C-alpha atoms as a PDB file:
ATOM      1  CA  UNK A   1      16.609  -2.934 -38.356  1.00  0.00           C
ATOM      2  CA  UNK A   2      14.326  -2.864 -36.282  1.00  0.00           C
ATOM      3  CA  UNK A   3      15.554  -5.680 -34.289  1.00  0.00           C
ATOM      4  CA  UNK A   4      19.304  -3.570 -34.562  1.00  0.00           C
ATOM      5  CA  UNK A   5      17.519  -0.269 -32.951  1.00  0.00           C
ATOM      6  CA  UNK A   6      15.849  -3.015 -30.228  1.00  0.00           C
ATOM      7  CA  UNK A   7      19.198  -3.962 -29.444  1.00  0.00           C
ATOM      8  CA  UNK A   8      21.171  -0.140 -29.014  1.00  0.00           C
ATOM      9  CA  UNK A   9      17.270   0.762 -26.619  1.00  0.00           C
ATOM     10  CA  UNK A  10      18.145  -1.909 -25.446  1.00  0.00           C
ATOM     11  CA  UNK A  11      21.412  -1.119 -24.550  1.00  0.00           C
ATOM     12  CA  UNK A  12      20.896   2.791 -23.591  1.00  0.00           C
ATOM     13  CA  UNK A  13      18.207   1.874 -21.506  1.00  0.00           C
ATOM     14  CA  UNK A  14      19.264  -0.901 -18.941  1.00  0.00           C
ATOM     15  CA  UNK A  15      21.893   1.291 -16.969  1.00  0.00           C
ATOM     16  CA  UNK A  16      18.993   3.629 -16.782  1.00  0.00           C
ATOM     17  CA  UNK A  17      16.350   1.406 -15.424  1.00  0.00           C
ATOM     18  CA  UNK A  18      19.307  -0.792 -13.093  1.00  0.00           C
ATOM     19  CA  UNK A  19      19.998   2.686 -11.367  1.00  0.00           C
ATOM     20  CA  UNK A  20      16.725   3.991 -10.620  1.00  0.00           C
ATOM     21  CA  UNK A  21      15.236   0.478  -9.003  1.00  0.00           C
ATOM     22  CA  UNK A  22      19.134   0.516  -6.831  1.00  0.00           C
ATOM     23  CA  UNK A  23      18.509   3.477  -5.840  1.00  0.00           C
ATOM     24  CA  UNK A  24      14.535   3.414  -4.742  1.00  0.00           C
ATOM     25  CA  UNK A  25      16.166   1.012  -2.813  1.00  0.00           C
ATOM     26  CA  UNK A  26      18.456   1.907  -1.871  1.00  0.00           C
ATOM     27  CA  UNK A  27      16.511   5.189  -0.694  1.00  0.00           C
ATOM     28  CA  UNK A  28      13.691   2.780   1.836  1.00  0.00           C
ATOM     29  CA  UNK A  29      16.633   0.911   3.525  1.00  0.00           C
ATOM     30  CA  UNK A  30      18.270   4.135   4.954  1.00  0.00           C
ATOM     31  CA  UNK A  31      15.123   6.907   5.417  1.00  0.00           C
ATOM     32  CA  UNK A  32      12.435   4.585   8.274  1.00  0.00           C
ATOM     33  CA  UNK A  33       9.836   6.404   7.198  1.00  0.00           C
ATOM     34  CA  UNK A  34       9.340   7.924   3.931  1.00  0.00           C
ATOM     35  CA  UNK A  35      11.439   4.760   2.783  1.00  0.00           C
ATOM     36  CA  UNK A  36       9.347   3.083   3.315  1.00  0.00           C
ATOM     37  CA  UNK A  37       6.329   4.382   2.287  1.00  0.00           C
ATOM     38  CA  UNK A  38       9.190   5.136  -1.586  1.00  0.00           C
ATOM     39  CA  UNK A  39       9.893   1.106  -1.633  1.00  0.00           C
ATOM     40  CA  UNK A  40       5.900   0.831  -2.930  1.00  0.00           C
ATOM     41  CA  UNK A  41       7.724   2.124  -5.576  1.00  0.00           C
ATOM     42  CA  UNK A  42      10.575  -0.639  -6.602  1.00  0.00           C
ATOM     43  CA  UNK A  43       7.580  -2.204  -8.802  1.00  0.00           C
ATOM     44  CA  UNK A  44       7.484   0.556 -11.116  1.00  0.00           C
ATOM     45  CA  UNK A  45      10.546   1.248 -12.740  1.00  0.00           C
ATOM     46  CA  UNK A  46      10.727  -2.830 -13.739  1.00  0.00           C
ATOM     47  CA  UNK A  47       7.033  -3.143 -14.330  1.00  0.00           C
ATOM     48  CA  UNK A  48       7.662   0.169 -17.016  1.00  0.00           C
ATOM     49  CA  UNK A  49      10.964  -1.477 -18.916  1.00  0.00           C
ATOM     50  CA  UNK A  50       9.418  -4.778 -18.885  1.00  0.00           C
ATOM     51  CA  UNK A  51       7.084  -3.336 -21.371  1.00  0.00           C
ATOM     52  CA  UNK A  52       9.088  -1.409 -22.996  1.00  0.00           C
ATOM     53  CA  UNK A  53      12.059  -3.180 -23.329  1.00  0.00           C
ATOM     54  CA  UNK A  54      11.156  -6.831 -22.912  1.00  0.00           C
ATOM     55  CA  UNK A  55      11.545 -10.062 -20.580  1.00  0.00           C
ATOM     56  CA  UNK A  56      14.802 -10.759 -21.824  1.00  0.00           C
ATOM     57  CA  UNK A  57      16.054  -6.430 -20.928  1.00  0.00           C
ATOM     58  CA  UNK A  58      13.908  -6.705 -17.740  1.00  0.00           C
ATOM     59  CA  UNK A  59      15.840 -10.361 -16.160  1.00  0.00           C
ATOM     60  CA  UNK A  60      18.833  -8.003 -17.142  1.00  0.00           C
ATOM     61  CA  UNK A  61      17.211  -4.978 -15.052  1.00  0.00           C
ATOM     62  CA  UNK A  62      16.786  -7.264 -12.319  1.00  0.00           C
ATOM     63  CA  UNK A  63      19.550  -9.144 -11.787  1.00  0.00           C
ATOM     64  CA  UNK A  64      21.683  -6.639 -11.807  1.00  0.00           C
ATOM     65  CA  UNK A  65      19.904  -4.548  -9.173  1.00  0.00           C
ATOM     66  CA  UNK A  66      20.284  -7.507  -7.192  1.00  0.00           C
ATOM     67  CA  UNK A  67      23.712  -8.047  -7.329  1.00  0.00           C
ATOM     68  CA  UNK A  68      24.228  -3.618  -6.536  1.00  0.00           C
ATOM     69  CA  UNK A  69      21.041  -4.188  -4.626  1.00  0.00           C
ATOM     70  CA  UNK A  70      23.532  -6.597  -2.383  1.00  0.00           C
ATOM     71  CA  UNK A  71      25.578  -4.438  -0.925  1.00  0.00           C
ATOM     72  CA  UNK A  72      23.295  -1.915   0.365  1.00  0.00           C
ATOM     73  CA  UNK A  73      21.770  -3.813   2.588  1.00  0.00           C
ATOM     74  CA  UNK A  74      24.513  -6.571   3.588  1.00  0.00           C
ATOM     75  CA  UNK A  75      24.577  -8.850   1.629  1.00  0.00           C
ATOM     76  CA  UNK A  76      21.837 -12.113   1.301  1.00  0.00           C
ATOM     77  CA  UNK A  77      19.529 -10.946   4.241  1.00  0.00           C
ATOM     78  CA  UNK A  78      15.862  -9.638   4.537  1.00  0.00           C
ATOM     79  CA  UNK A  79      16.451  -6.594   2.694  1.00  0.00           C
ATOM     80  CA  UNK A  80      17.197  -7.637  -0.921  1.00  0.00           C
ATOM     81  CA  UNK A  81      14.487 -11.042  -0.533  1.00  0.00           C
ATOM     82  CA  UNK A  82      11.763  -8.020   0.162  1.00  0.00           C
ATOM     83  CA  UNK A  83      13.791  -6.509  -2.638  1.00  0.00           C
ATOM     84  CA  UNK A  84      13.441  -9.716  -4.823  1.00  0.00           C
ATOM     85  CA  UNK A  85      10.178  -9.614  -3.871  1.00  0.00           C
ATOM     86  CA  UNK A  86       8.845  -6.419  -4.537  1.00  0.00           C
ATOM     87  CA  UNK A  87      10.922  -6.415  -8.499  1.00  0.00           C
ATOM     88  CA  UNK A  88       8.792  -9.649  -9.096  1.00  0.00           C
ATOM     89  CA  UNK A  89       5.226  -8.185  -8.097  1.00  0.00           C
ATOM     90  CA  UNK A  90       6.854  -5.439 -11.001  1.00  0.00           C
ATOM     91  CA  UNK A  91       8.047  -8.178 -13.380  1.00  0.00           C
ATOM     92  CA  UNK A  92       4.201 -10.424 -12.948  1.00  0.00           C
ATOM     93  CA  UNK A  93       1.971  -7.232 -13.513  1.00  0.00           C
ATOM     94  CA  UNK A  94       3.315  -6.344 -17.198  1.00  0.00           C
ATOM     95  CA  UNK A  95       3.588 -10.395 -17.281  1.00  0.00           C
ATOM     96  CA  UNK A  96      -0.531 -10.134 -17.447  1.00  0.00           C
ATOM     97  CA  UNK A  97      -0.728  -6.764 -18.757  1.00  0.00           C
ATOM     98  CA  UNK A  98       1.271  -8.863 -21.923  1.00  0.00           C
ATOM     99  CA  UNK A  99      -1.685 -11.748 -21.293  1.00  0.00           C
ATOM    100  CA  UNK A 100      -4.309  -9.150 -21.245  1.00  0.00           C
ATOM    101  CA  UNK A 101      -5.939 -10.212 -18.658  1.00  0.00           C
ATOM    102  CA  UNK A 102      -8.605  -8.427 -16.504  1.00  0.00           C
ATOM    103  CA  UNK A 103      -7.726  -6.519 -13.368  1.00  0.00           C
ATOM    104  CA  UNK A 104      -8.730  -9.669 -10.784  1.00  0.00           C
ATOM    105  CA  UNK A 105      -6.637 -12.176 -12.468  1.00  0.00           C
ATOM    106  CA  UNK A 106      -3.627  -9.605 -13.147  1.00  0.00           C
ATOM    107  CA  UNK A 107      -3.866  -9.314  -9.412  1.00  0.00           C
ATOM    108  CA  UNK A 108      -3.862 -13.247  -8.784  1.00  0.00           C
ATOM    109  CA  UNK A 109      -1.411 -14.024 -11.467  1.00  0.00           C
ATOM    110  CA  UNK A 110       0.295 -11.130  -9.307  1.00  0.00           C
ATOM    111  CA  UNK A 111      -0.436 -12.979  -6.093  1.00  0.00           C
ATOM    112  CA  UNK A 112       0.102 -16.733  -6.811  1.00  0.00           C
ATOM    113  CA  UNK A 113       3.848 -15.616  -8.171  1.00  0.00           C
ATOM    114  CA  UNK A 114       4.874 -13.785  -5.495  1.00  0.00           C
ATOM    115  CA  UNK A 115       3.570 -16.801  -2.843  1.00  0.00           C
ATOM    116  CA  UNK A 116       5.659 -19.012  -4.893  1.00  0.00           C
ATOM    117  CA  UNK A 117       8.688 -16.193  -4.624  1.00  0.00           C
ATOM    118  CA  UNK A 118       8.361 -16.048  -1.560  1.00  0.00           C
ATOM    119  CA  UNK A 119       8.405 -20.163  -1.153  1.00  0.00           C
ATOM    120  CA  UNK A 120      11.470 -21.229  -2.360  1.00  0.00           C
ATOM    121  CA  UNK A 121      13.031 -17.378  -1.174  1.00  0.00           C
ATOM    122  CA  UNK A 122      11.667 -18.964   2.468  1.00  0.00           C
ATOM    123  CA  UNK A 123      13.201 -22.205   1.497  1.00  0.00           C
ATOM    124  CA  UNK A 124      16.467 -21.136   0.362  1.00  0.00           C
ATOM    125  CA  UNK A 125      17.552 -18.602   3.555  1.00  0.00           C
ATOM    126  CA  UNK A 126      16.166 -21.635   5.720  1.00  0.00           C
ATOM    127  CA  UNK A 127      19.635 -23.652   4.314  1.00  0.00           C
ATOM    128  CA  UNK A 128      21.549 -20.618   4.102  1.00  0.00           C
ATOM    129  CA  UNK A 129      20.999 -20.019   7.964  1.00  0.00           C
ATOM    130  CA  UNK A 130      20.361 -23.525   8.578  1.00  0.00           C
ATOM    131  CA  UNK A 131      16.539 -22.954  10.684  1.00  0.00           C
ATOM    132  CA  UNK A 132      13.019 -23.811  10.301  1.00  0.00           C
ATOM    133  CA  UNK A 133      11.454 -20.726   7.576  1.00  0.00           C
ATOM    134  CA  UNK A 134       8.541 -20.194  11.081  1.00  0.00           C
ATOM    135  CA  UNK A 135      11.523 -19.279  13.088  1.00  0.00           C
ATOM    136  CA  UNK A 136      13.220 -17.342  10.277  1.00  0.00           C
ATOM    137  CA  UNK A 137       9.828 -15.344   9.949  1.00  0.00           C
ATOM    138  CA  UNK A 138       9.848 -15.386  13.415  1.00  0.00           C
ATOM    139  CA  UNK A 139      13.242 -13.669  14.620  1.00  0.00           C
ATOM    140  CA  UNK A 140      12.733 -11.366  11.314  1.00  0.00           C
ATOM    141  CA  UNK A 141       9.263 -10.351  13.651  1.00  0.00           C
ATOM    142  CA  UNK A 142      10.877  -9.861  16.788  1.00  0.00           C
ATOM    143  CA  UNK A 143      13.619  -7.652  15.151  1.00  0.00           C
ATOM    144  CA  UNK A 144      10.926  -5.335  13.758  1.00  0.00           C
ATOM    145  CA  UNK A 145       8.938  -5.232  16.786  1.00  0.00           C
ATOM    146  CA  UNK A 146      11.691  -3.707  18.799  1.00  0.00           C
ATOM    147  CA  UNK A 147      13.675  -1.655  15.622  1.00  0.00           C
ATOM    148  CA  UNK A 148      10.027   0.510  15.713  1.00  0.00           C
ATOM    149  CA  UNK A 149       9.834   0.462  19.608  1.00  0.00           C
ATOM    150  CA  UNK A 150      13.210   2.695  18.819  1.00  0.00           C
ATOM    151  CA  UNK A 151      12.037   4.118  16.485  1.00  0.00           C
ATOM    152  CA  UNK A 152       8.751   5.422  18.983  1.00  0.00           C
ATOM    153  CA  UNK A 153      11.340   6.206  21.091  1.00  0.00           C
ATOM    154  CA  UNK A 154      13.221   8.841  18.851  1.00  0.00           C
ATOM    155  CA  UNK A 155       9.987   9.990  17.954  1.00  0.00           C
ATOM    156  CA  UNK A 156       9.373  11.680  21.479  1.00  0.00           C
ATOM    157  CA  UNK A 157       6.502   9.200  22.262  1.00  0.00           C
ATOM    158  CA  UNK A 158       4.887   9.696  26.187  1.00  0.00           C
ATOM    159  CA  UNK A 159       7.127   6.565  27.683  1.00  0.00           C
ATOM    160  CA  UNK A 160       3.886   4.852  29.880  1.00  0.00           C
ATOM    161  CA  UNK A 161       2.694   4.502  26.122  1.00  0.00           C
ATOM    162  CA  UNK A 162       6.554   2.806  24.983  1.00  0.00           C
ATOM    163  CA  UNK A 163       6.597   0.837  28.634  1.00  0.00           C
ATOM    164  CA  UNK A 164       2.866  -0.592  27.698  1.00  0.00           C
ATOM    165  CA  UNK A 165       4.699  -1.559  23.929  1.00  0.00           C
ATOM    166  CA  UNK A 166       7.790  -3.041  25.642  1.00  0.00           C
ATOM    167  CA  UNK A 167       5.920  -5.211  27.349  1.00  0.00           C
ATOM    168  CA  UNK A 168       2.618  -6.353  24.829  1.00  0.00           C
ATOM    169  CA  UNK A 169       5.527  -7.380  22.810  1.00  0.00           C
ATOM    170  CA  UNK A 170       5.541 -10.802  23.030  1.00  0.00           C
ATOM    171  CA  UNK A 171       1.924 -10.803  22.468  1.00  0.00           C
ATOM    172  CA  UNK A 172       2.554  -8.410  18.927  1.00  0.00           C
ATOM    173  CA  UNK A 173       4.868 -11.367  17.872  1.00  0.00           C
ATOM    174  CA  UNK A 174       1.796 -13.687  18.762  1.00  0.00           C
ATOM    175  CA  UNK A 175      -0.523 -12.268  17.035  1.00  0.00           C
ATOM    176  CA  UNK A 176       2.026 -11.087  14.246  1.00  0.00           C
ATOM    177  CA  UNK A 177       3.248 -15.009  13.053  1.00  0.00           C
ATOM    178  CA  UNK A 178      -0.368 -15.896  12.990  1.00  0.00           C
ATOM    179  CA  UNK A 179      -1.149 -13.739  10.431  1.00  0.00           C
ATOM    180  CA  UNK A 180       1.547 -12.745   8.429  1.00  0.00           C
ATOM    181  CA  UNK A 181      -0.071 -15.415   5.505  1.00  0.00           C
ATOM    182  CA  UNK A 182      -3.165 -12.721   5.748  1.00  0.00           C
ATOM    183  CA  UNK A 183      -0.845  -9.432   6.041  1.00  0.00           C
ATOM    184  CA  UNK A 184       1.999 -10.935   3.050  1.00  0.00           C
ATOM    185  CA  UNK A 185      -0.836 -11.513   0.725  1.00  0.00           C
ATOM    186  CA  UNK A 186      -3.125  -8.639   1.592  1.00  0.00           C
ATOM    187  CA  UNK A 187      -0.312  -6.025   1.396  1.00  0.00           C
ATOM    188  CA  UNK A 188       0.660  -8.108  -2.454  1.00  0.00           C
ATOM    189  CA  UNK A 189      -2.699  -7.454  -3.772  1.00  0.00           C
ATOM    190  CA  UNK A 190      -2.257  -3.421  -2.321  1.00  0.00           C
ATOM    191  CA  UNK A 191       0.978  -2.752  -4.021  1.00  0.00           C
ATOM    192  CA  UNK A 192      -0.563  -4.485  -7.425  1.00  0.00           C
ATOM    193  CA  UNK A 193      -3.424  -1.879  -7.091  1.00  0.00           C
ATOM    194  CA  UNK A 194      -1.283   0.850  -6.458  1.00  0.00           C
ATOM    195  CA  UNK A 195       1.433  -0.087  -8.661  1.00  0.00           C
ATOM    196  CA  UNK A 196      -1.647  -0.543 -11.629  1.00  0.00           C
ATOM    197  CA  UNK A 197      -2.591   3.197 -10.526  1.00  0.00           C
ATOM    198  CA  UNK A 198       0.394   4.627 -10.439  1.00  0.00           C
ATOM    199  CA  UNK A 199       1.437   3.409 -13.696  1.00  0.00           C
ATOM    200  CA  UNK A 200      -0.741   4.219 -15.698  1.00  0.00           C
ATOM    201  CA  UNK A 201      -0.679   7.796 -16.560  1.00  0.00           C
ATOM    202  CA  UNK A 202       3.085   7.192 -17.634  1.00  0.00           C
ATOM    203  CA  UNK A 203       2.053   4.712 -19.719  1.00  0.00           C
ATOM    204  CA  UNK A 204      -0.255   6.629 -22.117  1.00  0.00           C
ATOM    205  CA  UNK A 205       2.562   9.460 -21.882  1.00  0.00           C
ATOM    206  CA  UNK A 206       4.734   7.472 -23.224  1.00  0.00           C
ATOM    207  CA  UNK A 207       2.477   5.614 -25.681  1.00  0.00           C
ATOM    208  CA  UNK A 208       3.069   2.030 -24.080  1.00  0.00           C
ATOM    209  CA  UNK A 209       0.326  -0.566 -23.981  1.00  0.00           C
ATOM    210  CA  UNK A 210      -2.065  -0.102 -21.122  1.00  0.00           C
ATOM    211  CA  UNK A 211      -5.163  -2.525 -20.973  1.00  0.00           C
ATOM    212  CA  UNK A 212      -8.610  -0.917 -20.581  1.00  0.00           C
ATOM    213  CA  UNK A 213      -9.455  -2.417 -17.299  1.00  0.00           C
ATOM    214  CA  UNK A 214     -13.368  -0.297 -17.366  1.00  0.00           C
ATOM    215  CA  UNK A 215     -13.916   2.491 -14.861  1.00  0.00           C
ATOM    216  CA  UNK A 216     -12.364   0.768 -12.015  1.00  0.00           C
ATOM    217  CA  UNK A 217     -14.788   3.741  -9.831  1.00  0.00           C
ATOM    218  CA  UNK A 218     -17.448   0.236 -11.096  1.00  0.00           C
ATOM    219  CA  UNK A 219     -15.906  -2.176  -9.301  1.00  0.00           C
ATOM    220  CA  UNK A 220     -17.828  -4.598  -7.826  1.00  0.00           C
ATOM    221  CA  UNK A 221     -16.747  -7.123  -6.284  1.00  0.00           C
ATOM    222  CA  UNK A 222     -18.212 -11.155  -6.241  1.00  0.00           C
ATOM    223  CA  UNK A 223     -21.424 -11.196  -4.496  1.00  0.00           C
ATOM    224  CA  UNK A 224     -21.116 -14.881  -3.049  1.00  0.00           C
ATOM    225  CA  UNK A 225     -17.826 -13.737  -1.249  1.00  0.00           C
ATOM    226  CA  UNK A 226     -19.573 -11.894   1.183  1.00  0.00           C
ATOM    227  CA  UNK A 227     -21.316 -15.696   2.630  1.00  0.00           C
ATOM    228  CA  UNK A 228     -17.225 -16.334   3.170  1.00  0.00           C
ATOM    229  CA  UNK A 229     -17.065 -13.011   5.509  1.00  0.00           C
ATOM    230  CA  UNK A 230     -20.155 -13.745   6.931  1.00  0.00           C
ATOM    231  CA  UNK A 231     -18.290 -17.377   7.568  1.00  0.00           C
ATOM    232  CA  UNK A 232     -15.016 -16.393   8.590  1.00  0.00           C
ATOM    233  CA  UNK A 233     -16.150 -14.112  11.125  1.00  0.00           C
ATOM    234  CA  UNK A 234     -18.266 -17.050  12.735  1.00  0.00           C
ATOM    235  CA  UNK A 235     -15.090 -19.025  13.531  1.00  0.00           C
ATOM    236  CA  UNK A 236     -13.684 -16.053  14.946  1.00  0.00           C
ATOM    237  CA  UNK A 237     -16.217 -16.849  18.741  1.00  0.00           C
ATOM    238  CA  UNK A 238     -15.622 -20.732  17.452  1.00  0.00           C
ATOM    239  CA  UNK A 239     -13.681 -21.608  20.878  1.00  0.00           C
ATOM    240  CA  UNK A 240     -11.484 -23.078  18.372  1.00  0.00           C
ATOM    241  CA  UNK A 241      -7.934 -21.585  17.651  1.00  0.00           C
ATOM    242  CA  UNK A 242      -7.390 -23.259  15.089  1.00  0.00           C
ATOM    243  CA  UNK A 243     -10.404 -21.901  13.886  1.00  0.00           C
ATOM    244  CA  UNK A 244      -9.734 -18.077  14.911  1.00  0.00           C
ATOM    245  CA  UNK A 245      -6.620 -18.160  12.891  1.00  0.00           C
ATOM    246  CA  UNK A 246      -7.747 -19.648  10.223  1.00  0.00           C
ATOM    247  CA  UNK A 247     -10.876 -17.453  10.670  1.00  0.00           C
ATOM    248  CA  UNK A 248      -9.136 -14.443  11.124  1.00  0.00           C
ATOM    249  CA  UNK A 249      -6.437 -14.146   8.299  1.00  0.00           C
ATOM    250  CA  UNK A 250      -9.036 -14.985   6.008  1.00  0.00           C
ATOM    251  CA  UNK A 251     -10.967 -11.544   7.312  1.00  0.00           C
ATOM    252  CA  UNK A 252      -7.897 -10.035   7.129  1.00  0.00           C
ATOM    253  CA  UNK A 253      -8.285 -10.826   2.797  1.00  0.00           C
ATOM    254  CA  UNK A 254     -11.569  -9.892   2.751  1.00  0.00           C
ATOM    255  CA  UNK A 255     -11.672  -6.734   4.055  1.00  0.00           C
ATOM    256  CA  UNK A 256      -8.833  -6.078   1.742  1.00  0.00           C
ATOM    257  CA  UNK A 257     -10.880  -6.567  -1.623  1.00  0.00           C
ATOM    258  CA  UNK A 258     -13.615  -4.659   0.237  1.00  0.00           C
ATOM    259  CA  UNK A 259     -11.682  -1.946   0.965  1.00  0.00           C
ATOM    260  CA  UNK A 260     -11.259  -2.153  -3.043  1.00  0.00           C
ATOM    261  CA  UNK A 261     -14.866  -1.440  -3.746  1.00  0.00           C
ATOM    262  CA  UNK A 262     -14.669   0.696  -1.267  1.00  0.00           C
ATOM    263  CA  UNK A 263     -12.504   3.426  -2.539  1.00  0.00           C
ATOM    264  CA  UNK A 264     -14.235   2.423  -5.847  1.00  0.00           C
ATOM    265  CA  UNK A 265     -17.085   3.898  -3.925  1.00  0.00           C
ATOM    266  CA  UNK A 266     -14.879   7.012  -3.067  1.00  0.00           C
ATOM    267  CA  UNK A 267     -13.465   7.531  -6.313  1.00  0.00           C
ATOM    268  CA  UNK A 268     -16.829   7.633  -7.484  1.00  0.00           C
ATOM    269  CA  UNK A 269     -17.797  10.335  -6.247  1.00  0.00           C
ATOM    270  CA  UNK A 270     -14.811  12.061  -5.883  1.00  0.00           C
ATOM    271  CA  UNK A 271     -15.810  12.390 -10.328  1.00  0.00           C
ATOM    272  CA  UNK A 272     -18.822  13.391  -9.781  1.00  0.00           C
ATOM    273  CA  UNK A 273     -18.662  16.026  -7.411  1.00  0.00           C
ATOM    274  CA  UNK A 274     -15.916  17.111  -9.300  1.00  0.00           C
ATOM    275  CA  UNK A 275     -12.679  17.304  -6.869  1.00  0.00           C
ATOM    276  CA  UNK A 276      -9.472  19.140  -7.695  1.00  0.00           C
ATOM    277  CA  UNK A 277      -6.497  17.447  -7.498  1.00  0.00           C
ATOM    278  CA  UNK A 278      -4.716  17.829  -3.762  1.00  0.00           C
ATOM    279  CA  UNK A 279      -7.979  17.949  -2.986  1.00  0.00           C
ATOM    280  CA  UNK A 280      -8.273  14.159  -4.002  1.00  0.00           C
ATOM    281  CA  UNK A 281      -4.778  13.041  -3.201  1.00  0.00           C
ATOM    282  CA  UNK A 282      -5.159  14.915   0.812  1.00  0.00           C
ATOM    283  CA  UNK A 283      -8.775  12.569   1.621  1.00  0.00           C
ATOM    284  CA  UNK A 284      -7.150   9.110  -0.231  1.00  0.00           C
ATOM    285  CA  UNK A 285      -3.875  10.103   2.329  1.00  0.00           C
ATOM    286  CA  UNK A 286      -5.972  10.105   5.274  1.00  0.00           C
ATOM    287  CA  UNK A 287      -8.032   7.910   4.765  1.00  0.00           C
ATOM    288  CA  UNK A 288      -4.490   5.525   4.625  1.00  0.00           C
ATOM    289  CA  UNK A 289      -2.862   7.115   7.200  1.00  0.00           C
ATOM    290  CA  UNK A 290      -6.445   7.366   9.465  1.00  0.00           C
ATOM    291  CA  UNK A 291      -7.454   3.759  11.248  1.00  0.00           C
ATOM    292  CA  UNK A 292     -10.959   4.631  11.566  1.00  0.00           C
ATOM    293  CA  UNK A 293     -11.549   6.331   7.785  1.00  0.00           C
ATOM    294  CA  UNK A 294      -9.967   3.496   6.921  1.00  0.00           C
ATOM    295  CA  UNK A 295     -12.340   1.035   8.102  1.00  0.00           C
ATOM    296  CA  UNK A 296     -15.066   3.163   7.041  1.00  0.00           C
ATOM    297  CA  UNK A 297     -14.111   3.006   3.444  1.00  0.00           C
ATOM    298  CA  UNK A 298     -14.449  -1.041   4.203  1.00  0.00           C
ATOM    299  CA  UNK A 299     -17.772  -0.636   5.807  1.00  0.00           C
ATOM    300  CA  UNK A 300     -19.192   1.395   3.220  1.00  0.00           C
ATOM    301  CA  UNK A 301     -17.611  -1.905   0.532  1.00  0.00           C
ATOM    302  CA  UNK A 302     -19.254  -4.382   2.498  1.00  0.00           C
ATOM    303  CA  UNK A 303     -22.598  -2.545   2.306  1.00  0.00           C
ATOM    304  CA  UNK A 304     -22.858  -1.428  -0.603  1.00  0.00           C
ATOM    305  CA  UNK A 305     -24.193  -4.681  -1.730  1.00  0.00           C
ATOM    306  CA  UNK A 306     -27.351  -4.137  -0.743  1.00  0.00           C
ATOM    307  CA  UNK A 307     -27.761  -0.230  -0.045  1.00  0.00           C
ATOM    308  CA  UNK A 308     -26.522   0.660  -3.987  1.00  0.00           C
ATOM    309  CA  UNK A 309     -24.220   3.269  -2.855  1.00  0.00           C
ATOM    310  CA  UNK A 310     -23.322   4.360  -6.429  1.00  0.00           C
ATOM    311  CA  UNK A 311     -26.644   4.891  -7.673  1.00  0.00           C
ATOM    312  CA  UNK A 312     -27.668   6.471  -4.547  1.00  0.00           C
END
């Protein structure tokens, strides 16, 4: 009898899961700025239904969402690949929660899963479009840079800034192509971390299992990785291009890790001084959109190893 009830529940909720997921995808495509923010919510319905309905049901939701979503993105495209990756993040987090992994293992598991998936997608796209993977990525970066330039023009950016950016597109593309591995790993870590934070109140409200990760505001990065950070910094001053690129990629990933530690310290002081929720949201938003505050938070995370800000 419980199996019949579970089957009936799945039949009712699978269409809902597909509709919610596809709706988020459609918004992310057709609303340029807001859509970019909304796209980070795509893992949430997959994660929710993975925990509520199980693996098989959420695979059906994912397949149905991909099939319908392909109509919005015009078939096989970079957008549908991005959509698949975001859904896979939600699925892999659900798998990690099912295995009762720690917070570090959960994020690491999601990153490893997504890296393997993206490699598979790039190989598939390379075969479909008959182009090598580097060319595919380079063309995608170039296309997005041009779209960004058009968007800036529409927003009324001064012409001299537009000209400066336009003249620098080749250099920007050159740099982005070489740091894309680190940007990909860093963004996957950030989306996984954000998904875990956003889904917690939903899981608790719906009575679903949520791991006891402990107080995230007390989280600290392993002390040993500071030597890796120093090594990456040193590699930037060595006159060897390969080492420069390797060091830059390493710094981006490590800065992401120390951002988590810095934001944990910020959260600690917000709670200590009982900041209202609305004020927290505003301040967190400022940190995300202001690069100086972002760098400050990363610096706080790095120097916490010596200064131990939470005990001051």
